[in-house]
Each structure stands twice: as structure tokens, then as C-alpha cells.
Amino acid sequence: MEEVLIDDNMVFDIDNLKGFLNDTSSFGFIAKENNKIIGFAYC
């Protein structure tokens, strides 16, 4: 079963978020507004 984070109308794959945060060679951003995730991108 895939774990996801749902914030209003957006769905984020938890594994992708964890991968971004834990991989020291990745770079990108998590955009927040009013303490809600509104965008996520990394490479």
C-alpha cells in the first residue's frame, strides 16, 4: 500500500518526500503557504 500525504487538492507520495529529505545529493524545494504544502519538486 502506498502512503500519501493529502493537503487540500494535492497528493504527495511520502516516499518521494522522504527520499528528497534524506538524499544529500538531491536538490529542490518544498513550497509552503499558510503552513500547507503547495508544491514539491526535486532532482
Protein backbone atom coordinates (compact mmCIF):
# COMPACT_ATOMS: atom_id res chain seq x y z
CA MET A 1 0.00 0.00 0.00
CA GLU A 2 1.34 3.43 -0.95
CA GLU A 3 1.43 6.04 1.79
CA VAL A 4 0.49 9.54 0.67
CA LEU A 5 0.09 12.97 2.21
CA ILE A 6 -3.10 14.74 1.15
CA ASP A 7 -3.15 18.53 1.54
CA ASP A 8 -6.34 20.09 0.15
CA ASN A 9 -6.44 19.02 -3.51
CA MET A 10 -2.81 17.89 -3.75
CA VAL A 11 -1.45 14.41 -3.08
CA PHE A 12 2.23 13.84 -2.30
CA ASP A 13 3.95 10.45 -2.20
CA ILE A 14 5.57 10.16 1.25
CA ASP A 15 8.44 8.05 -0.14
CA ASN A 16 9.33 10.82 -2.62
CA LEU A 17 9.34 13.42 0.16
CA LYS A 18 11.49 11.21 2.41
CA GLY A 19 13.84 10.47 -0.49
CA PHE A 20 14.32 14.17 -1.10
CA LEU A 21 14.97 14.93 2.56
CA ASN A 22 17.36 12.01 3.11
CA ASP A 23 19.40 12.12 -0.13
CA THR A 24 22.30 14.55 0.34
CA SER A 25 22.93 14.74 -3.42
CA SER A 26 19.38 15.86 -4.27
CA PHE A 27 18.28 19.45 -4.55
CA GLY A 28 14.88 21.06 -4.85
CA PHE A 29 12.17 22.71 -2.84
CA ILE A 30 9.03 22.19 -0.83
CA ALA A 31 6.75 25.22 -1.18
CA LYS A 32 4.53 26.06 1.78
CA GLU A 33 1.90 28.72 2.26
CA ASN A 34 -0.10 29.18 5.46
CA ASN A 35 1.65 26.06 6.81
CA LYS A 36 0.33 23.88 3.95
CA ILE A 37 2.41 22.23 1.25
CA ILE A 38 1.53 23.82 -2.09
CA GLY A 39 4.35 22.47 -4.25
CA PHE A 40 7.18 19.97 -4.29
CA ALA A 41 9.96 19.40 -6.81
CA TYR A 42 13.41 17.88 -6.66
CA CYS A 43 16.11 16.43 -8.81
